[in-house]
């Protein structure tokens, strides 16, 4: 899971750098319209458009983090071809069967039979788990509730510290929590429901920093929870887990 930690840190730094830029611009605006080095001014509309970019940056971090956390679990399940389907905990085995039998996909009768035969052959021949990429659902739908849901599908209850949990659930705007508003505004921007200038209206850099901190703190604990789940082999039946050295 080190690659997930590195990706998380790299994208967190991008957000921090962007917020620093916005803070400098906002500070300049206190003494008049901010100006570029060539003398051109940055309009209020342009400032709002730039502010809206924070929601896109944050959603990028959310989706990248959770997708790679889930892939880290499935990669561990097929690691070096060591684990059989029967070694997996029931919840994860269900996900493996879903992928192998393609139960979540519309298929013709012949293709469904082919998938069922492939699954039967895998079990009869006692083959190791392979070709396993969990279906994570459509993009654009990730928030804290969805992350908790996919953790449950993987067989563990996601636990974060009480202050971080309270912060992520506390309403930020329109009675929506931090990650819920990030998801909502990102989707509204992506589907044309709101303009970038409208998205960045009536928000300050201080508020955007607060939103970012709540989101980043939560995601950091999510990464660590997934890493612990993988490192302790909690995706395996208890009697199949390697004994710590």
C-alpha atoms as a PDB file:
ATOM      1  CA  UNK A   1       0.000   0.000   0.000  1.00  0.00           C
ATOM      2  CA  UNK A   2       3.022   2.308  -0.109  1.00  0.00           C
ATOM      3  CA  UNK A   3       2.103   3.363  -3.638  1.00  0.00           C
ATOM      4  CA  UNK A   4      -1.321   4.462  -2.353  1.00  0.00           C
ATOM      5  CA  UNK A   5       0.306   6.496   0.407  1.00  0.00           C
ATOM      6  CA  UNK A   6       2.631   8.144  -2.110  1.00  0.00           C
ATOM      7  CA  UNK A   7      -0.193   8.975  -4.497  1.00  0.00           C
ATOM      8  CA  UNK A   8      -2.202  10.425  -1.632  1.00  0.00           C
ATOM      9  CA  UNK A   9       0.705  12.580  -0.475  1.00  0.00           C
ATOM     10  CA  UNK A  10       1.510  13.832  -3.981  1.00  0.00           C
ATOM     11  CA  UNK A  11      -2.077  14.913  -4.642  1.00  0.00           C
ATOM     12  CA  UNK A  12      -2.428  16.427  -1.176  1.00  0.00           C
ATOM     13  CA  UNK A  13       0.565  18.628  -1.949  1.00  0.00           C
ATOM     14  CA  UNK A  14      -1.075  19.721  -5.208  1.00  0.00           C
ATOM     15  CA  UNK A  15      -4.129  20.869  -3.251  1.00  0.00           C
ATOM     16  CA  UNK A  16      -1.979  22.694  -0.685  1.00  0.00           C
ATOM     17  CA  UNK A  17      -0.093  24.476  -3.473  1.00  0.00           C
ATOM     18  CA  UNK A  18      -3.343  25.510  -5.148  1.00  0.00           C
ATOM     19  CA  UNK A  19      -4.790  26.821  -1.880  1.00  0.00           C
ATOM     20  CA  UNK A  20      -1.601  28.823  -1.236  1.00  0.00           C
ATOM     21  CA  UNK A  21      -2.020  30.426  -4.653  1.00  0.00           C
ATOM     22  CA  UNK A  22      -5.654  31.285  -3.929  1.00  0.00           C
ATOM     23  CA  UNK A  23      -4.704  32.728  -0.520  1.00  0.00           C
ATOM     24  CA  UNK A  24      -2.129  35.040  -2.137  1.00  0.00           C
ATOM     25  CA  UNK A  25      -4.711  36.154  -4.689  1.00  0.00           C
ATOM     26  CA  UNK A  26      -7.333  36.763  -2.015  1.00  0.00           C
ATOM     27  CA  UNK A  27      -4.871  38.780   0.073  1.00  0.00           C
ATOM     28  CA  UNK A  28      -4.023  40.929  -2.951  1.00  0.00           C
ATOM     29  CA  UNK A  29      -7.729  41.565  -3.569  1.00  0.00           C
ATOM     30  CA  UNK A  30      -8.048  43.386  -0.223  1.00  0.00           C
ATOM     31  CA  UNK A  31      -6.240  46.374  -1.723  1.00  0.00           C
ATOM     32  CA  UNK A  32      -7.959  46.255  -5.103  1.00  0.00           C
ATOM     33  CA  UNK A  33      -8.326  43.816  -7.997  1.00  0.00           C
ATOM     34  CA  UNK A  34      -5.384  41.360  -8.030  1.00  0.00           C
ATOM     35  CA  UNK A  35      -2.981  41.912 -10.900  1.00  0.00           C
ATOM     36  CA  UNK A  36      -0.759  39.594 -12.886  1.00  0.00           C
ATOM     37  CA  UNK A  37       2.888  40.526 -13.416  1.00  0.00           C
ATOM     38  CA  UNK A  38       2.014  42.002 -16.818  1.00  0.00           C
ATOM     39  CA  UNK A  39      -0.499  44.339 -15.228  1.00  0.00           C
ATOM     40  CA  UNK A  40      -3.720  42.568 -16.225  1.00  0.00           C
ATOM     41  CA  UNK A  41      -6.309  42.373 -13.444  1.00  0.00           C
ATOM     42  CA  UNK A  42      -8.059  39.235 -12.199  1.00  0.00           C
ATOM     43  CA  UNK A  43     -11.792  39.861 -12.130  1.00  0.00           C
ATOM     44  CA  UNK A  44     -14.184  38.712  -9.405  1.00  0.00           C
ATOM     45  CA  UNK A  45     -15.659  36.218 -11.881  1.00  0.00           C
ATOM     46  CA  UNK A  46     -12.193  34.812 -12.586  1.00  0.00           C
ATOM     47  CA  UNK A  47     -11.493  34.497  -8.856  1.00  0.00           C
ATOM     48  CA  UNK A  48     -14.697  32.520  -8.375  1.00  0.00           C
ATOM     49  CA  UNK A  49     -13.797  30.234 -11.277  1.00  0.00           C
ATOM     50  CA  UNK A  50     -10.418  29.582  -9.672  1.00  0.00           C
ATOM     51  CA  UNK A  51     -12.034  28.896  -6.293  1.00  0.00           C
ATOM     52  CA  UNK A  52     -14.291  26.258  -7.861  1.00  0.00           C
ATOM     53  CA  UNK A  53     -11.207  24.315  -8.917  1.00  0.00           C
ATOM     54  CA  UNK A  54     -10.687  23.245  -5.309  1.00  0.00           C
ATOM     55  CA  UNK A  55     -13.775  21.022  -5.493  1.00  0.00           C
ATOM     56  CA  UNK A  56     -12.370  19.287  -8.581  1.00  0.00           C
ATOM     57  CA  UNK A  57      -8.961  18.818  -6.947  1.00  0.00           C
ATOM     58  CA  UNK A  58     -10.555  17.347  -3.841  1.00  0.00           C
ATOM     59  CA  UNK A  59     -12.798  14.961  -5.746  1.00  0.00           C
ATOM     60  CA  UNK A  60      -9.808  13.836  -7.793  1.00  0.00           C
ATOM     61  CA  UNK A  61      -8.064  12.972  -4.517  1.00  0.00           C
ATOM     62  CA  UNK A  62     -11.134  11.186  -3.140  1.00  0.00           C
ATOM     63  CA  UNK A  63     -11.718   8.929  -6.136  1.00  0.00           C
ATOM     64  CA  UNK A  64      -8.037   8.203  -6.774  1.00  0.00           C
ATOM     65  CA  UNK A  65      -7.525   7.254  -3.132  1.00  0.00           C
ATOM     66  CA  UNK A  66     -10.499   4.941  -2.720  1.00  0.00           C
ATOM     67  CA  UNK A  67     -10.035   3.200  -6.092  1.00  0.00           C
ATOM     68  CA  UNK A  68      -6.414   2.420  -5.306  1.00  0.00           C
ATOM     69  CA  UNK A  69      -7.244   1.286  -1.770  1.00  0.00           C
ATOM     70  CA  UNK A  70      -9.752  -1.224  -3.147  1.00  0.00           C
ATOM     71  CA  UNK A  71      -7.305  -2.364  -5.823  1.00  0.00           C
ATOM     72  CA  UNK A  72      -4.731  -2.846  -3.053  1.00  0.00           C
ATOM     73  CA  UNK A  73      -7.034  -5.404  -1.419  1.00  0.00           C
ATOM     74  CA  UNK A  74      -7.744  -7.337  -4.609  1.00  0.00           C
ATOM     75  CA  UNK A  75      -4.059  -7.230  -5.569  1.00  0.00           C
ATOM     76  CA  UNK A  76      -3.231  -8.752  -2.182  1.00  0.00           C
ATOM     77  CA  UNK A  77      -5.833 -11.477  -2.758  1.00  0.00           C
ATOM     78  CA  UNK A  78      -4.092 -12.588  -5.972  1.00  0.00           C
ATOM     79  CA  UNK A  79      -0.573 -12.021  -4.638  1.00  0.00           C
ATOM     80  CA  UNK A  80       1.849 -14.550  -6.170  1.00  0.00           C
ATOM     81  CA  UNK A  81      -1.028 -16.974  -6.775  1.00  0.00           C
ATOM     82  CA  UNK A  82      -0.917 -18.159  -3.161  1.00  0.00           C
ATOM     83  CA  UNK A  83      -4.557 -17.919  -2.126  1.00  0.00           C
ATOM     84  CA  UNK A  84      -7.458 -20.122  -3.125  1.00  0.00           C
ATOM     85  CA  UNK A  85     -11.036 -18.798  -3.233  1.00  0.00           C
ATOM     86  CA  UNK A  86     -11.773 -20.835  -0.114  1.00  0.00           C
ATOM     87  CA  UNK A  87      -9.007 -18.938   1.715  1.00  0.00           C
ATOM     88  CA  UNK A  88     -10.847 -15.630   1.337  1.00  0.00           C
ATOM     89  CA  UNK A  89     -13.332 -14.364   3.888  1.00  0.00           C
ATOM     90  CA  UNK A  90     -16.910 -14.851   2.758  1.00  0.00           C
ATOM     91  CA  UNK A  91     -17.600 -11.204   1.864  1.00  0.00           C
ATOM     92  CA  UNK A  92     -14.543 -10.969  -0.378  1.00  0.00           C
ATOM     93  CA  UNK A  93     -15.219 -14.400  -1.868  1.00  0.00           C
ATOM     94  CA  UNK A  94     -18.658 -13.125  -2.861  1.00  0.00           C
ATOM     95  CA  UNK A  95     -17.008 -10.268  -4.736  1.00  0.00           C
ATOM     96  CA  UNK A  96     -14.641 -12.677  -6.475  1.00  0.00           C
ATOM     97  CA  UNK A  97     -17.570 -14.870  -7.537  1.00  0.00           C
ATOM     98  CA  UNK A  98     -19.400 -11.757  -8.766  1.00  0.00           C
ATOM     99  CA  UNK A  99     -16.431 -10.937 -11.013  1.00  0.00           C
ATOM    100  CA  UNK A 100     -15.831 -14.499 -12.232  1.00  0.00           C
ATOM    101  CA  UNK A 101     -19.498 -15.326 -12.865  1.00  0.00           C
ATOM    102  CA  UNK A 102     -20.242 -11.793 -14.065  1.00  0.00           C
ATOM    103  CA  UNK A 103     -23.457 -11.786 -12.065  1.00  0.00           C
ATOM    104  CA  UNK A 104     -23.664  -7.982 -12.221  1.00  0.00           C
ATOM    105  CA  UNK A 105     -23.485  -7.849 -16.053  1.00  0.00           C
ATOM    106  CA  UNK A 106     -26.263  -8.296 -18.601  1.00  0.00           C
ATOM    107  CA  UNK A 107     -25.318 -11.429 -20.571  1.00  0.00           C
ATOM    108  CA  UNK A 108     -26.870 -13.708 -23.157  1.00  0.00           C
ATOM    109  CA  UNK A 109     -27.775 -17.199 -21.975  1.00  0.00           C
ATOM    110  CA  UNK A 110     -24.706 -18.635 -23.733  1.00  0.00           C
ATOM    111  CA  UNK A 111     -22.313 -16.106 -22.246  1.00  0.00           C
ATOM    112  CA  UNK A 112     -23.790 -16.608 -18.784  1.00  0.00           C
ATOM    113  CA  UNK A 113     -23.282 -20.358 -19.186  1.00  0.00           C
ATOM    114  CA  UNK A 114     -19.682 -19.769 -20.296  1.00  0.00           C
ATOM    115  CA  UNK A 115     -19.038 -17.663 -17.204  1.00  0.00           C
ATOM    116  CA  UNK A 116     -20.591 -20.282 -14.930  1.00  0.00           C
ATOM    117  CA  UNK A 117     -18.470 -23.025 -16.533  1.00  0.00           C
ATOM    118  CA  UNK A 118     -15.318 -20.959 -16.110  1.00  0.00           C
ATOM    119  CA  UNK A 119     -16.123 -20.493 -12.428  1.00  0.00           C
ATOM    120  CA  UNK A 120     -16.858 -24.206 -11.967  1.00  0.00           C
ATOM    121  CA  UNK A 121     -13.638 -25.144 -13.741  1.00  0.00           C
ATOM    122  CA  UNK A 122     -11.662 -22.800 -11.515  1.00  0.00           C
ATOM    123  CA  UNK A 123     -13.104 -24.396  -8.378  1.00  0.00           C
ATOM    124  CA  UNK A 124     -12.829 -28.012  -9.607  1.00  0.00           C
ATOM    125  CA  UNK A 125      -9.178 -27.520 -10.552  1.00  0.00           C
ATOM    126  CA  UNK A 126      -8.457 -25.774  -7.227  1.00  0.00           C
ATOM    127  CA  UNK A 127      -6.883 -22.808  -8.990  1.00  0.00           C
ATOM    128  CA  UNK A 128      -5.638 -19.771  -7.105  1.00  0.00           C
ATOM    129  CA  UNK A 129      -7.549 -16.507  -7.123  1.00  0.00           C
ATOM    130  CA  UNK A 130      -6.671 -14.541 -10.249  1.00  0.00           C
ATOM    131  CA  UNK A 131      -7.974 -11.899 -12.624  1.00  0.00           C
ATOM    132  CA  UNK A 132      -9.709 -10.152  -9.738  1.00  0.00           C
ATOM    133  CA  UNK A 133     -10.633  -6.492 -10.064  1.00  0.00           C
ATOM    134  CA  UNK A 134     -13.607  -5.627  -7.895  1.00  0.00           C
ATOM    135  CA  UNK A 135     -16.481  -3.755  -9.482  1.00  0.00           C
ATOM    136  CA  UNK A 136     -16.502  -0.415  -7.676  1.00  0.00           C
ATOM    137  CA  UNK A 137     -19.558   1.157  -9.271  1.00  0.00           C
ATOM    138  CA  UNK A 138     -19.743   4.210 -11.478  1.00  0.00           C
ATOM    139  CA  UNK A 139     -17.399   7.156 -11.116  1.00  0.00           C
ATOM    140  CA  UNK A 140     -18.550  10.396  -9.569  1.00  0.00           C
ATOM    141  CA  UNK A 141     -20.295   8.789  -6.590  1.00  0.00           C
ATOM    142  CA  UNK A 142     -17.611   8.681  -3.926  1.00  0.00           C
ATOM    143  CA  UNK A 143     -18.165  10.263  -0.546  1.00  0.00           C
ATOM    144  CA  UNK A 144     -17.691   9.067   3.037  1.00  0.00           C
ATOM    145  CA  UNK A 145     -20.901   6.995   3.001  1.00  0.00           C
ATOM    146  CA  UNK A 146     -19.861   5.225  -0.220  1.00  0.00           C
ATOM    147  CA  UNK A 147     -16.382   4.552   1.176  1.00  0.00           C
ATOM    148  CA  UNK A 148     -17.865   3.012   4.314  1.00  0.00           C
ATOM    149  CA  UNK A 149     -20.112   0.906   2.085  1.00  0.00           C
ATOM    150  CA  UNK A 150     -17.335  -0.537  -0.034  1.00  0.00           C
ATOM    151  CA  UNK A 151     -15.261  -1.278   3.065  1.00  0.00           C
ATOM    152  CA  UNK A 152     -18.214  -3.334   4.341  1.00  0.00           C
ATOM    153  CA  UNK A 153     -18.323  -5.173   0.991  1.00  0.00           C
ATOM    154  CA  UNK A 154     -14.678  -6.072   1.546  1.00  0.00           C
ATOM    155  CA  UNK A 155     -15.426  -7.468   4.971  1.00  0.00           C
ATOM    156  CA  UNK A 156     -14.344  -4.861   7.465  1.00  0.00           C
ATOM    157  CA  UNK A 157     -15.958  -1.988   9.294  1.00  0.00           C
ATOM    158  CA  UNK A 158     -14.113   1.205   8.516  1.00  0.00           C
ATOM    159  CA  UNK A 159     -13.206   2.984  11.744  1.00  0.00           C
ATOM    160  CA  UNK A 160     -11.819   6.507  11.912  1.00  0.00           C
ATOM    161  CA  UNK A 161     -11.122   8.642  14.955  1.00  0.00           C
ATOM    162  CA  UNK A 162     -14.062  10.462  16.522  1.00  0.00           C
ATOM    163  CA  UNK A 163     -12.820  14.024  15.751  1.00  0.00           C
ATOM    164  CA  UNK A 164     -12.204  13.155  12.092  1.00  0.00           C
ATOM    165  CA  UNK A 165     -15.555  11.386  11.784  1.00  0.00           C
ATOM    166  CA  UNK A 166     -17.403  14.315  13.360  1.00  0.00           C
ATOM    167  CA  UNK A 167     -15.642  16.785  11.058  1.00  0.00           C
ATOM    168  CA  UNK A 168     -16.452  14.884   7.873  1.00  0.00           C
ATOM    169  CA  UNK A 169     -20.129  14.590   8.836  1.00  0.00           C
ATOM    170  CA  UNK A 170     -20.550  18.198  10.001  1.00  0.00           C
ATOM    171  CA  UNK A 171     -22.475  20.247   7.383  1.00  0.00           C
ATOM    172  CA  UNK A 172     -20.343  22.478   5.202  1.00  0.00           C
ATOM    173  CA  UNK A 173     -23.000  23.900   2.874  1.00  0.00           C
ATOM    174  CA  UNK A 174     -26.648  23.130   2.068  1.00  0.00           C
ATOM    175  CA  UNK A 175     -26.782  20.692   5.020  1.00  0.00           C
ATOM    176  CA  UNK A 176     -24.201  18.494   3.268  1.00  0.00           C
ATOM    177  CA  UNK A 177     -21.037  17.214   4.924  1.00  0.00           C
ATOM    178  CA  UNK A 178     -17.568  17.917   3.539  1.00  0.00           C
ATOM    179  CA  UNK A 179     -17.199  15.004   1.138  1.00  0.00           C
ATOM    180  CA  UNK A 180     -20.872  15.046   0.235  1.00  0.00           C
ATOM    181  CA  UNK A 181     -20.621  18.678  -0.950  1.00  0.00           C
ATOM    182  CA  UNK A 182     -17.386  17.909  -2.829  1.00  0.00           C
ATOM    183  CA  UNK A 183     -19.137  15.082  -4.675  1.00  0.00           C
ATOM    184  CA  UNK A 184     -22.278  17.114  -5.306  1.00  0.00           C
ATOM    185  CA  UNK A 185     -20.510  20.181  -6.702  1.00  0.00           C
ATOM    186  CA  UNK A 186     -18.066  18.108  -8.751  1.00  0.00           C
ATOM    187  CA  UNK A 187     -20.982  16.285 -10.381  1.00  0.00           C
ATOM    188  CA  UNK A 188     -22.896  19.527 -10.955  1.00  0.00           C
ATOM    189  CA  UNK A 189     -19.832  20.957 -12.697  1.00  0.00           C
ATOM    190  CA  UNK A 190     -19.204  17.777 -14.694  1.00  0.00           C
ATOM    191  CA  UNK A 191     -22.798  17.580 -15.941  1.00  0.00           C
ATOM    192  CA  UNK A 192     -23.320  21.290 -16.558  1.00  0.00           C
ATOM    193  CA  UNK A 193     -25.777  21.849 -13.714  1.00  0.00           C
ATOM    194  CA  UNK A 194     -23.773  24.784 -12.367  1.00  0.00           C
ATOM    195  CA  UNK A 195     -21.171  27.129 -13.819  1.00  0.00           C
ATOM    196  CA  UNK A 196     -17.656  27.391 -12.403  1.00  0.00           C
ATOM    197  CA  UNK A 197     -18.312  30.995 -11.358  1.00  0.00           C
ATOM    198  CA  UNK A 198     -21.493  29.953  -9.522  1.00  0.00           C
ATOM    199  CA  UNK A 199     -19.661  27.107  -7.802  1.00  0.00           C
ATOM    200  CA  UNK A 200     -16.981  29.455  -6.453  1.00  0.00           C
ATOM    201  CA  UNK A 201     -19.418  32.134  -5.301  1.00  0.00           C
ATOM    202  CA  UNK A 202     -19.794  33.044  -1.607  1.00  0.00           C
ATOM    203  CA  UNK A 203     -16.826  30.981  -0.445  1.00  0.00           C
ATOM    204  CA  UNK A 204     -13.496  32.102   1.010  1.00  0.00           C
ATOM    205  CA  UNK A 205     -10.064  30.515   0.945  1.00  0.00           C
ATOM    206  CA  UNK A 206     -10.361  29.971   4.695  1.00  0.00           C
ATOM    207  CA  UNK A 207     -13.532  27.942   4.154  1.00  0.00           C
ATOM    208  CA  UNK A 208     -11.899  25.993   1.322  1.00  0.00           C
ATOM    209  CA  UNK A 209      -8.950  25.196   3.589  1.00  0.00           C
ATOM    210  CA  UNK A 210     -11.385  23.914   6.220  1.00  0.00           C
ATOM    211  CA  UNK A 211     -13.143  21.765   3.613  1.00  0.00           C
ATOM    212  CA  UNK A 212      -9.819  20.417   2.372  1.00  0.00           C
ATOM    213  CA  UNK A 213      -8.570  19.631   5.863  1.00  0.00           C
ATOM    214  CA  UNK A 214     -11.706  17.693   6.765  1.00  0.00           C
ATOM    215  CA  UNK A 215     -11.531  15.695   3.527  1.00  0.00           C
ATOM    216  CA  UNK A 216      -7.787  15.038   3.667  1.00  0.00           C
ATOM    217  CA  UNK A 217      -7.806  14.039   7.354  1.00  0.00           C
ATOM    218  CA  UNK A 218     -10.584  11.537   6.668  1.00  0.00           C
ATOM    219  CA  UNK A 219      -8.891  10.072   3.592  1.00  0.00           C
ATOM    220  CA  UNK A 220      -5.591   9.730   5.448  1.00  0.00           C
ATOM    221  CA  UNK A 221      -7.269   7.528   8.052  1.00  0.00           C
ATOM    222  CA  UNK A 222      -9.025   5.572   5.290  1.00  0.00           C
ATOM    223  CA  UNK A 223      -5.668   4.799   3.661  1.00  0.00           C
ATOM    224  CA  UNK A 224      -4.208   3.665   6.979  1.00  0.00           C
ATOM    225  CA  UNK A 225      -7.263   1.486   7.724  1.00  0.00           C
ATOM    226  CA  UNK A 226      -7.006  -0.236   4.343  1.00  0.00           C
ATOM    227  CA  UNK A 227      -3.245  -0.681   4.776  1.00  0.00           C
ATOM    228  CA  UNK A 228      -3.792  -2.355   8.166  1.00  0.00           C
ATOM    229  CA  UNK A 229      -6.478  -4.617   6.670  1.00  0.00           C
ATOM    230  CA  UNK A 230      -4.073  -5.743   3.936  1.00  0.00           C
ATOM    231  CA  UNK A 231      -0.955  -6.013   6.111  1.00  0.00           C
ATOM    232  CA  UNK A 232      -2.759  -8.146   8.698  1.00  0.00           C
ATOM    233  CA  UNK A 233      -4.252 -10.343   5.955  1.00  0.00           C
ATOM    234  CA  UNK A 234      -7.759  -9.703   7.218  1.00  0.00           C
ATOM    235  CA  UNK A 235      -9.085 -10.539   3.755  1.00  0.00           C
ATOM    236  CA  UNK A 236      -8.268 -14.199   4.536  1.00  0.00           C
ATOM    237  CA  UNK A 237     -10.063 -16.693   6.739  1.00  0.00           C
ATOM    238  CA  UNK A 238      -8.570 -16.421  10.212  1.00  0.00           C
ATOM    239  CA  UNK A 239      -6.962 -19.859  10.118  1.00  0.00           C
ATOM    240  CA  UNK A 240      -5.324 -19.080   6.745  1.00  0.00           C
ATOM    241  CA  UNK A 241      -3.601 -15.886   7.792  1.00  0.00           C
ATOM    242  CA  UNK A 242       0.199 -16.056   7.948  1.00  0.00           C
ATOM    243  CA  UNK A 243       1.607 -16.169  11.443  1.00  0.00           C
ATOM    244  CA  UNK A 244       3.583 -12.958  12.173  1.00  0.00           C
ATOM    245  CA  UNK A 245       7.317 -13.552  12.397  1.00  0.00           C
END
